Amino acid sequence: MKIATWNVNSIRSRLEHATNWLQANPDVDLLCVQETKVVDEQFPLAAFTDIDYVVDFYGQKSYNGVALIAKAPLENVRRGFAGVLPAADVGDLDAQKRVISAEIQGIQVVNVYVPNGSAIGSEKYEYKLAWLKLLKQYLTALLQENPDLLICGDFNIALEDIDLHNPEKRAKHIMSSDVEREALQDVLALGLQDAFRKFNQEPGQYSWWDYRAGSFPRDKGWRIDHHYLTPNLYDRAVGCVIDKAPRELTKPSDHTPVIVEL
């Protein structure tokens, strides 16, 4: 089974890219997308059903939004933290549509779009840290239901220096500060391991390149799109690759797909 993650940076703007990619990769059973940027009523559903995919989505206007695009109907689909956690614990952290989960072939898949954080010490930075703390609580609850869990998506965190083209000033940069890394490590302490690094320990492996300053042609990227697996799934993983081809297209997303094979 293959599961992919891709921040498409607007599903309507990248609709042809997404449908073409699925048709070129028919062995992908589930595509988890982030930053759909569309309310549910306006999601371009027909474009996917016309090529025999089913879609579950959780979106909002202009920002955020996540979706699951699968070859067969998914089970136990839940949108937002409130689908699992008490409303009192969630507070306003579901106002931004950033998490959707479902089961496929007995595996619990969680698709996330972690907040960017804007700037270290900002209000959005504190929101990001609070969101990650709640994510741990959410995953803890899910693991009590099913120990085979895969969480993937745009984490907006480069966890190690090897994940950055230039880590020299990373401690003062959003998405690579010590506090953000520690917050993500706290989530991973639930027993989650990085599928990509099981197979590739080399530097220069990126999933996101800024639109500015010719970052992609100069390969000045970051690896911030991840698949994390619980122990049984980690043992079952037989590959994990970054597909750079969609980033080379005209008017691409600034991210590119990452695919894990179990």
C-alpha atoms as a PDB file:
ATOM      1  CA  MET A   1       0.000   0.000   0.000  1.00  0.00           C
ATOM      2  CA  LYS A   2       1.188   3.516  -0.809  1.00  0.00           C
ATOM      3  CA  ILE A   3       0.169   6.690   1.010  1.00  0.00           C
ATOM      4  CA  ALA A   4       1.246  10.130  -0.159  1.00  0.00           C
ATOM      5  CA  THR A   5       1.216  13.581   1.415  1.00  0.00           C
ATOM      6  CA  TRP A   6       1.207  16.836  -0.539  1.00  0.00           C
ATOM      7  CA  ASN A   7       0.585  20.440   0.412  1.00  0.00           C
ATOM      8  CA  VAL A   8      -1.015  21.605  -2.823  1.00  0.00           C
ATOM      9  CA  ASN A   9      -1.282  25.295  -1.849  1.00  0.00           C
ATOM     10  CA  SER A  10      -4.864  25.609  -3.186  1.00  0.00           C
ATOM     11  CA  ILE A  11      -6.595  22.532  -4.580  1.00  0.00           C
ATOM     12  CA  ARG A  12      -8.424  24.613  -7.182  1.00  0.00           C
ATOM     13  CA  SER A  13      -5.267  26.317  -8.415  1.00  0.00           C
ATOM     14  CA  ARG A  14      -3.424  22.981  -8.538  1.00  0.00           C
ATOM     15  CA  LEU A  15      -6.370  20.809  -9.589  1.00  0.00           C
ATOM     16  CA  GLU A  16      -4.898  19.656 -12.882  1.00  0.00           C
ATOM     17  CA  HIS A  17      -1.556  18.984 -11.198  1.00  0.00           C
ATOM     18  CA  ALA A  18      -3.248  16.825  -8.569  1.00  0.00           C
ATOM     19  CA  THR A  19      -5.467  14.815 -10.916  1.00  0.00           C
ATOM     20  CA  ASN A  20      -2.628  14.285 -13.399  1.00  0.00           C
ATOM     21  CA  TRP A  21      -0.346  13.137 -10.592  1.00  0.00           C
ATOM     22  CA  LEU A  22      -2.892  10.605  -9.336  1.00  0.00           C
ATOM     23  CA  GLN A  23      -3.351   9.219 -12.832  1.00  0.00           C
ATOM     24  CA  ALA A  24       0.417   8.982 -13.267  1.00  0.00           C
ATOM     25  CA  ASN A  25       0.697   7.205  -9.906  1.00  0.00           C
ATOM     26  CA  PRO A  26      -2.172   4.697  -9.902  1.00  0.00           C
ATOM     27  CA  ASP A  27      -0.507   2.585  -7.206  1.00  0.00           C
ATOM     28  CA  VAL A  28      -1.051   5.358  -4.623  1.00  0.00           C
ATOM     29  CA  ASP A  29      -3.987   4.231  -2.497  1.00  0.00           C
ATOM     30  CA  LEU A  30      -4.405   7.449  -0.527  1.00  0.00           C
ATOM     31  CA  LEU A  31      -3.304  11.024  -1.132  1.00  0.00           C
ATOM     32  CA  CYS A  32      -3.402  13.304   1.908  1.00  0.00           C
ATOM     33  CA  VAL A  33      -3.487  16.941   0.859  1.00  0.00           C
ATOM     34  CA  GLN A  34      -3.082  20.129   2.842  1.00  0.00           C
ATOM     35  CA  GLU A  35      -3.844  23.802   2.270  1.00  0.00           C
ATOM     36  CA  THR A  36      -6.873  23.145   0.093  1.00  0.00           C
ATOM     37  CA  LYS A  37      -8.071  26.727   0.701  1.00  0.00           C
ATOM     38  CA  VAL A  38     -11.711  26.083  -0.122  1.00  0.00           C
ATOM     39  CA  VAL A  39     -14.961  25.664   1.784  1.00  0.00           C
ATOM     40  CA  ASP A  40     -16.415  22.174   1.610  1.00  0.00           C
ATOM     41  CA  GLU A  41     -19.326  23.243  -0.600  1.00  0.00           C
ATOM     42  CA  GLN A  42     -16.906  24.452  -3.284  1.00  0.00           C
ATOM     43  CA  PHE A  43     -14.393  21.607  -3.190  1.00  0.00           C
ATOM     44  CA  PRO A  44     -13.829  20.414  -6.799  1.00  0.00           C
ATOM     45  CA  LEU A  45     -15.152  16.952  -6.023  1.00  0.00           C
ATOM     46  CA  ALA A  46     -16.208  15.994  -9.547  1.00  0.00           C
ATOM     47  CA  ALA A  47     -12.642  16.259 -10.856  1.00  0.00           C
ATOM     48  CA  PHE A  48     -11.709  13.339  -8.606  1.00  0.00           C
ATOM     49  CA  THR A  49     -14.864  11.249  -8.802  1.00  0.00           C
ATOM     50  CA  ASP A  50     -14.593  11.441 -12.585  1.00  0.00           C
ATOM     51  CA  ILE A  51     -11.283   9.548 -12.338  1.00  0.00           C
ATOM     52  CA  ASP A  52     -12.700   7.083  -9.796  1.00  0.00           C
ATOM     53  CA  TYR A  53     -11.442   8.532  -6.507  1.00  0.00           C
ATOM     54  CA  VAL A  54     -13.431   9.250  -3.385  1.00  0.00           C
ATOM     55  CA  VAL A  55     -12.729  12.347  -1.300  1.00  0.00           C
ATOM     56  CA  ASP A  56     -13.278  13.401   2.297  1.00  0.00           C
ATOM     57  CA  PHE A  57     -12.486  17.022   3.079  1.00  0.00           C
ATOM     58  CA  TYR A  58     -12.459  19.577   5.855  1.00  0.00           C
ATOM     59  CA  GLY A  59     -11.929  23.085   4.601  1.00  0.00           C
ATOM     60  CA  GLN A  60     -12.395  26.804   4.944  1.00  0.00           C
ATOM     61  CA  LYS A  61     -12.259  29.848   2.711  1.00  0.00           C
ATOM     62  CA  SER A  62      -8.833  31.035   1.481  1.00  0.00           C
ATOM     63  CA  TYR A  63      -6.745  29.358   4.184  1.00  0.00           C
ATOM     64  CA  ASN A  64      -5.778  25.951   5.565  1.00  0.00           C
ATOM     65  CA  GLY A  65      -7.979  22.944   4.737  1.00  0.00           C
ATOM     66  CA  VAL A  66      -7.153  19.236   4.507  1.00  0.00           C
ATOM     67  CA  ALA A  67      -8.504  16.376   2.407  1.00  0.00           C
ATOM     68  CA  LEU A  68      -8.169  12.626   1.872  1.00  0.00           C
ATOM     69  CA  ILE A  69      -8.293  11.394  -1.732  1.00  0.00           C
ATOM     70  CA  ALA A  70      -8.571   7.620  -1.922  1.00  0.00           C
ATOM     71  CA  LYS A  71      -9.099   4.819  -4.410  1.00  0.00           C
ATOM     72  CA  ALA A  72     -11.800   3.296  -2.187  1.00  0.00           C
ATOM     73  CA  PRO A  73     -14.101   4.640   0.537  1.00  0.00           C
ATOM     74  CA  LEU A  74     -12.387   5.270   3.868  1.00  0.00           C
ATOM     75  CA  GLU A  75     -13.702   4.216   7.255  1.00  0.00           C
ATOM     76  CA  ASN A  76     -14.220   6.171  10.468  1.00  0.00           C
ATOM     77  CA  VAL A  77     -13.516   9.600   8.955  1.00  0.00           C
ATOM     78  CA  ARG A  78     -13.190  12.311  11.610  1.00  0.00           C
ATOM     79  CA  ARG A  79     -12.732  16.006  11.017  1.00  0.00           C
ATOM     80  CA  GLY A  80     -10.932  18.217  13.497  1.00  0.00           C
ATOM     81  CA  PHE A  81      -9.841  17.570  17.051  1.00  0.00           C
ATOM     82  CA  ALA A  82     -13.423  17.779  18.302  1.00  0.00           C
ATOM     83  CA  GLY A  83     -14.211  14.516  16.544  1.00  0.00           C
ATOM     84  CA  VAL A  84     -12.089  12.799  19.182  1.00  0.00           C
ATOM     85  CA  LEU A  85     -11.449  15.167  22.101  1.00  0.00           C
ATOM     86  CA  PRO A  86     -13.838  17.004  24.442  1.00  0.00           C
ATOM     87  CA  ALA A  87     -14.859  20.449  23.210  1.00  0.00           C
ATOM     88  CA  ALA A  88     -13.533  22.010  26.408  1.00  0.00           C
ATOM     89  CA  ASP A  89     -10.038  20.724  25.607  1.00  0.00           C
ATOM     90  CA  VAL A  90     -10.175  21.774  21.961  1.00  0.00           C
ATOM     91  CA  GLY A  91     -11.285  25.360  22.611  1.00  0.00           C
ATOM     92  CA  ASP A  92     -10.780  27.444  19.468  1.00  0.00           C
ATOM     93  CA  LEU A  93      -8.120  25.181  17.945  1.00  0.00           C
ATOM     94  CA  ASP A  94     -10.597  23.719  15.443  1.00  0.00           C
ATOM     95  CA  ALA A  95     -11.467  27.145  14.042  1.00  0.00           C
ATOM     96  CA  GLN A  96      -8.659  26.573  11.550  1.00  0.00           C
ATOM     97  CA  LYS A  97      -9.293  23.397   9.547  1.00  0.00           C
ATOM     98  CA  ARG A  98      -6.046  21.502   9.938  1.00  0.00           C
ATOM     99  CA  VAL A  99      -6.631  17.832  10.766  1.00  0.00           C
ATOM    100  CA  ILE A 100      -8.629  14.961   9.316  1.00  0.00           C
ATOM    101  CA  SER A 101      -8.263  11.251  10.043  1.00  0.00           C
ATOM    102  CA  ALA A 102      -9.610   7.959   8.701  1.00  0.00           C
ATOM    103  CA  GLU A 103      -8.884   4.253   8.533  1.00  0.00           C
ATOM    104  CA  ILE A 104      -7.639   2.433   5.453  1.00  0.00           C
ATOM    105  CA  GLN A 105      -6.966  -1.309   5.434  1.00  0.00           C
ATOM    106  CA  GLY A 106      -6.806  -1.346   9.222  1.00  0.00           C
ATOM    107  CA  ILE A 107      -4.358   1.585   9.442  1.00  0.00           C
ATOM    108  CA  GLN A 108      -5.328   4.808  11.151  1.00  0.00           C
ATOM    109  CA  VAL A 109      -4.138   7.736   9.012  1.00  0.00           C
ATOM    110  CA  VAL A 110      -3.975  11.279  10.351  1.00  0.00           C
ATOM    111  CA  ASN A 111      -3.487  14.099   7.853  1.00  0.00           C
ATOM    112  CA  VAL A 112      -2.266  17.368   9.389  1.00  0.00           C
ATOM    113  CA  TYR A 113      -1.403  20.882   8.365  1.00  0.00           C
ATOM    114  CA  VAL A 114       0.572  22.234  11.308  1.00  0.00           C
ATOM    115  CA  PRO A 115       0.449  26.028  11.765  1.00  0.00           C
ATOM    116  CA  ASN A 116       3.402  27.930  10.349  1.00  0.00           C
ATOM    117  CA  GLY A 117       3.885  30.130  13.396  1.00  0.00           C
ATOM    118  CA  SER A 118       4.796  33.318  11.479  1.00  0.00           C
ATOM    119  CA  ALA A 119       7.661  34.517  13.718  1.00  0.00           C
ATOM    120  CA  ILE A 120       9.356  33.292  16.871  1.00  0.00           C
ATOM    121  CA  GLY A 121       7.637  34.696  19.935  1.00  0.00           C
ATOM    122  CA  SER A 122       4.585  35.928  18.043  1.00  0.00           C
ATOM    123  CA  GLU A 123       0.979  35.167  18.899  1.00  0.00           C
ATOM    124  CA  LYS A 124       0.856  32.767  15.944  1.00  0.00           C
ATOM    125  CA  TYR A 125       3.982  31.056  17.262  1.00  0.00           C
ATOM    126  CA  GLU A 126       2.282  30.436  20.600  1.00  0.00           C
ATOM    127  CA  TYR A 127      -0.777  29.170  18.719  1.00  0.00           C
ATOM    128  CA  LYS A 128       1.451  26.689  16.888  1.00  0.00           C
ATOM    129  CA  LEU A 129       2.866  25.360  20.145  1.00  0.00           C
ATOM    130  CA  ALA A 130      -0.608  25.035  21.681  1.00  0.00           C
ATOM    131  CA  TRP A 131      -1.811  23.243  18.544  1.00  0.00           C
ATOM    132  CA  LEU A 132       1.038  20.741  18.738  1.00  0.00           C
ATOM    133  CA  LYS A 133       0.308  20.106  22.401  1.00  0.00           C
ATOM    134  CA  LEU A 134      -3.315  19.324  21.558  1.00  0.00           C
ATOM    135  CA  LEU A 135      -2.162  17.152  18.650  1.00  0.00           C
ATOM    136  CA  LYS A 136      -0.337  14.936  21.128  1.00  0.00           C
ATOM    137  CA  GLN A 137      -3.497  14.592  23.192  1.00  0.00           C
ATOM    138  CA  TYR A 138      -5.455  13.777  20.028  1.00  0.00           C
ATOM    139  CA  LEU A 139      -2.998  11.093  18.909  1.00  0.00           C
ATOM    140  CA  THR A 140      -2.911   9.605  22.400  1.00  0.00           C
ATOM    141  CA  ALA A 141      -6.670   9.109  22.199  1.00  0.00           C
ATOM    142  CA  LEU A 142      -6.469   7.601  18.715  1.00  0.00           C
ATOM    143  CA  LEU A 143      -3.740   5.177  19.724  1.00  0.00           C
ATOM    144  CA  GLN A 144      -6.022   3.767  22.386  1.00  0.00           C
ATOM    145  CA  GLU A 145      -8.369   2.757  19.554  1.00  0.00           C
ATOM    146  CA  ASN A 146      -5.810   1.485  17.052  1.00  0.00           C
ATOM    147  CA  PRO A 147      -2.048   1.121  17.638  1.00  0.00           C
ATOM    148  CA  ASP A 148      -1.286   1.110  13.902  1.00  0.00           C
ATOM    149  CA  LEU A 149      -1.128   4.832  13.181  1.00  0.00           C
ATOM    150  CA  LEU A 150       0.438   6.884  10.412  1.00  0.00           C
ATOM    151  CA  ILE A 151       0.502  10.656  10.722  1.00  0.00           C
ATOM    152  CA  CYS A 152       1.548  12.661   7.710  1.00  0.00           C
ATOM    153  CA  GLY A 153       1.324  16.135   6.297  1.00  0.00           C
ATOM    154  CA  ASP A 154       2.970  19.526   6.266  1.00  0.00           C
ATOM    155  CA  PHE A 155       4.490  19.843   9.732  1.00  0.00           C
ATOM    156  CA  ASN A 156       6.084  23.251   9.082  1.00  0.00           C
ATOM    157  CA  ILE A 157       9.085  22.070  11.108  1.00  0.00           C
ATOM    158  CA  ALA A 158      12.506  20.919   9.903  1.00  0.00           C
ATOM    159  CA  LEU A 159      13.280  18.519  12.709  1.00  0.00           C
ATOM    160  CA  GLU A 160      17.028  18.184  12.159  1.00  0.00           C
ATOM    161  CA  ASP A 161      19.767  20.343  10.654  1.00  0.00           C
ATOM    162  CA  ILE A 162      20.110  17.817   7.843  1.00  0.00           C
ATOM    163  CA  ASP A 163      16.601  18.842   6.756  1.00  0.00           C
ATOM    164  CA  LEU A 164      17.757  22.377   5.883  1.00  0.00           C
ATOM    165  CA  HIS A 165      19.845  23.584   2.976  1.00  0.00           C
ATOM    166  CA  ASN A 166      21.594  26.001   5.346  1.00  0.00           C
ATOM    167  CA  PRO A 167      21.144  25.387   9.094  1.00  0.00           C
ATOM    168  CA  GLU A 168      23.590  28.106  10.157  1.00  0.00           C
ATOM    169  CA  LYS A 169      20.957  30.491  11.560  1.00  0.00           C
ATOM    170  CA  ARG A 170      18.197  27.969  12.029  1.00  0.00           C
ATOM    171  CA  ALA A 171      17.769  28.555  15.797  1.00  0.00           C
ATOM    172  CA  LYS A 172      16.444  32.059  15.078  1.00  0.00           C
ATOM    173  CA  HIS A 173      14.272  31.006  12.136  1.00  0.00           C
ATOM    174  CA  ILE A 174      10.622  30.034  12.219  1.00  0.00           C
ATOM    175  CA  MET A 175      10.087  26.319  11.473  1.00  0.00           C
ATOM    176  CA  SER A 176      13.473  25.321  12.887  1.00  0.00           C
ATOM    177  CA  SER A 177      13.711  26.898  16.354  1.00  0.00           C
ATOM    178  CA  ASP A 178      14.592  24.716  19.317  1.00  0.00           C
ATOM    179  CA  VAL A 179      11.170  25.190  20.922  1.00  0.00           C
ATOM    180  CA  GLU A 180       9.330  24.055  17.786  1.00  0.00           C
ATOM    181  CA  ARG A 181      11.576  21.039  17.406  1.00  0.00           C
ATOM    182  CA  GLU A 182      11.081  20.115  21.040  1.00  0.00           C
ATOM    183  CA  ALA A 183       7.307  20.428  20.644  1.00  0.00           C
ATOM    184  CA  LEU A 184       7.327  18.044  17.695  1.00  0.00           C
ATOM    185  CA  GLN A 185       9.696  15.647  19.449  1.00  0.00           C
ATOM    186  CA  ASP A 186       7.231  15.560  22.328  1.00  0.00           C
ATOM    187  CA  VAL A 187       4.531  14.408  19.904  1.00  0.00           C
ATOM    188  CA  LEU A 188       6.847  11.795  18.393  1.00  0.00           C
ATOM    189  CA  ALA A 189       7.647  10.475  21.872  1.00  0.00           C
ATOM    190  CA  LEU A 190       4.347   8.597  21.604  1.00  0.00           C
ATOM    191  CA  GLY A 191       6.370   6.069  19.614  1.00  0.00           C
ATOM    192  CA  LEU A 192       6.388   7.625  16.140  1.00  0.00           C
ATOM    193  CA  GLN A 193       9.351   7.312  13.778  1.00  0.00           C
ATOM    194  CA  ASP A 194      10.323   9.139  10.589  1.00  0.00           C
ATOM    195  CA  ALA A 195       9.666   6.865   7.606  1.00  0.00           C
ATOM    196  CA  PHE A 196      11.859   8.840   5.201  1.00  0.00           C
ATOM    197  CA  ARG A 197      14.969   8.638   7.354  1.00  0.00           C
ATOM    198  CA  LYS A 198      14.610   4.868   7.620  1.00  0.00           C
ATOM    199  CA  PHE A 199      15.716   4.720   3.991  1.00  0.00           C
ATOM    200  CA  ASN A 200      17.661   7.912   3.340  1.00  0.00           C
ATOM    201  CA  GLN A 201      20.189   9.555   5.649  1.00  0.00           C
ATOM    202  CA  GLU A 202      21.647  11.859   3.019  1.00  0.00           C
ATOM    203  CA  PRO A 203      21.484  15.674   3.166  1.00  0.00           C
ATOM    204  CA  GLY A 204      19.918  17.650   0.343  1.00  0.00           C
ATOM    205  CA  GLN A 205      16.531  15.921   0.555  1.00  0.00           C
ATOM    206  CA  TYR A 206      13.785  18.542   0.547  1.00  0.00           C
ATOM    207  CA  SER A 207      10.009  18.709   0.116  1.00  0.00           C
ATOM    208  CA  TRP A 208       9.498  22.499   0.145  1.00  0.00           C
ATOM    209  CA  TRP A 209      11.216  25.345  -1.662  1.00  0.00           C
ATOM    210  CA  ASP A 210      10.256  28.988  -1.151  1.00  0.00           C
ATOM    211  CA  TYR A 211       8.851  30.716  -4.229  1.00  0.00           C
ATOM    212  CA  ARG A 212      11.290  33.576  -3.658  1.00  0.00           C
ATOM    213  CA  ALA A 213      14.965  34.015  -4.592  1.00  0.00           C
ATOM    214  CA  GLY A 214      15.062  31.137  -7.053  1.00  0.00           C
ATOM    215  CA  SER A 215      15.025  28.649  -4.207  1.00  0.00           C
ATOM    216  CA  PHE A 216      13.980  25.654  -6.292  1.00  0.00           C
ATOM    217  CA  PRO A 217      16.454  26.053  -9.186  1.00  0.00           C
ATOM    218  CA  ARG A 218      19.175  26.567  -6.578  1.00  0.00           C
ATOM    219  CA  ASP A 219      17.829  23.662  -4.501  1.00  0.00           C
ATOM    220  CA  LYS A 220      17.648  25.784  -1.365  1.00  0.00           C
ATOM    221  CA  GLY A 221      14.919  23.750   0.285  1.00  0.00           C
ATOM    222  CA  TRP A 222      13.612  22.359   3.546  1.00  0.00           C
ATOM    223  CA  ARG A 223      12.204  18.949   4.435  1.00  0.00           C
ATOM    224  CA  ILE A 224       9.037  19.791   6.356  1.00  0.00           C
ATOM    225  CA  ASP A 225       6.567  17.253   4.905  1.00  0.00           C
ATOM    226  CA  HIS A 226       6.728  13.983   6.810  1.00  0.00           C
ATOM    227  CA  HIS A 227       5.346  10.519   7.416  1.00  0.00           C
ATOM    228  CA  TYR A 228       5.621   9.310  11.015  1.00  0.00           C
ATOM    229  CA  LEU A 229       4.769   5.707  11.851  1.00  0.00           C
ATOM    230  CA  THR A 230       4.103   3.653  14.952  1.00  0.00           C
ATOM    231  CA  PRO A 231       6.509   0.709  15.476  1.00  0.00           C
ATOM    232  CA  ASN A 232       4.560  -1.998  13.644  1.00  0.00           C
ATOM    233  CA  LEU A 233       4.053   0.203  10.577  1.00  0.00           C
ATOM    234  CA  TYR A 234       7.646   1.415  10.710  1.00  0.00           C
ATOM    235  CA  ASP A 235       8.771  -2.194  10.507  1.00  0.00           C
ATOM    236  CA  ARG A 236       6.403  -2.762   7.584  1.00  0.00           C
ATOM    237  CA  ALA A 237       7.632   0.274   5.642  1.00  0.00           C
ATOM    238  CA  VAL A 238       9.554  -0.757   2.527  1.00  0.00           C
ATOM    239  CA  GLY A 239      10.203   2.667   1.042  1.00  0.00           C
ATOM    240  CA  CYS A 240       9.670   6.413   1.314  1.00  0.00           C
ATOM    241  CA  VAL A 241      10.496   8.855  -1.463  1.00  0.00           C
ATOM    242  CA  ILE A 242      10.152  12.521  -2.370  1.00  0.00           C
ATOM    243  CA  ASP A 243       8.764  13.127  -5.861  1.00  0.00           C
ATOM    244  CA  LYS A 244      10.262  16.414  -7.036  1.00  0.00           C
ATOM    245  CA  ALA A 245       8.624  16.351 -10.476  1.00  0.00           C
ATOM    246  CA  PRO A 246       5.461  18.336  -9.552  1.00  0.00           C
ATOM    247  CA  ARG A 247       7.637  21.182  -8.240  1.00  0.00           C
ATOM    248  CA  GLU A 248       9.067  21.541 -11.749  1.00  0.00           C
ATOM    249  CA  LEU A 249       5.664  22.228 -13.319  1.00  0.00           C
ATOM    250  CA  THR A 250       4.346  25.625 -14.378  1.00  0.00           C
ATOM    251  CA  LYS A 251       2.734  27.458 -11.440  1.00  0.00           C
ATOM    252  CA  PRO A 252       3.433  24.638  -8.981  1.00  0.00           C
ATOM    253  CA  SER A 253       2.782  24.313  -5.295  1.00  0.00           C
ATOM    254  CA  ASP A 254       5.854  25.240  -3.274  1.00  0.00           C
ATOM    255  CA  HIS A 255       5.681  21.696  -1.824  1.00  0.00           C
ATOM    256  CA  THR A 256       6.024  18.350  -3.567  1.00  0.00           C
ATOM    257  CA  PRO A 257       4.612  14.886  -2.758  1.00  0.00           C
ATOM    258  CA  VAL A 258       6.210  12.463  -0.313  1.00  0.00           C
ATOM    259  CA  ILE A 259       5.167   8.810  -0.658  1.00  0.00           C
ATOM    260  CA  VAL A 260       5.542   5.979   1.832  1.00  0.00           C
ATOM    261  CA  GLU A 261       5.088   2.325   0.883  1.00  0.00           C
ATOM    262  CA  LEU A 262       4.001  -0.292   3.389  1.00  0.00           C
END
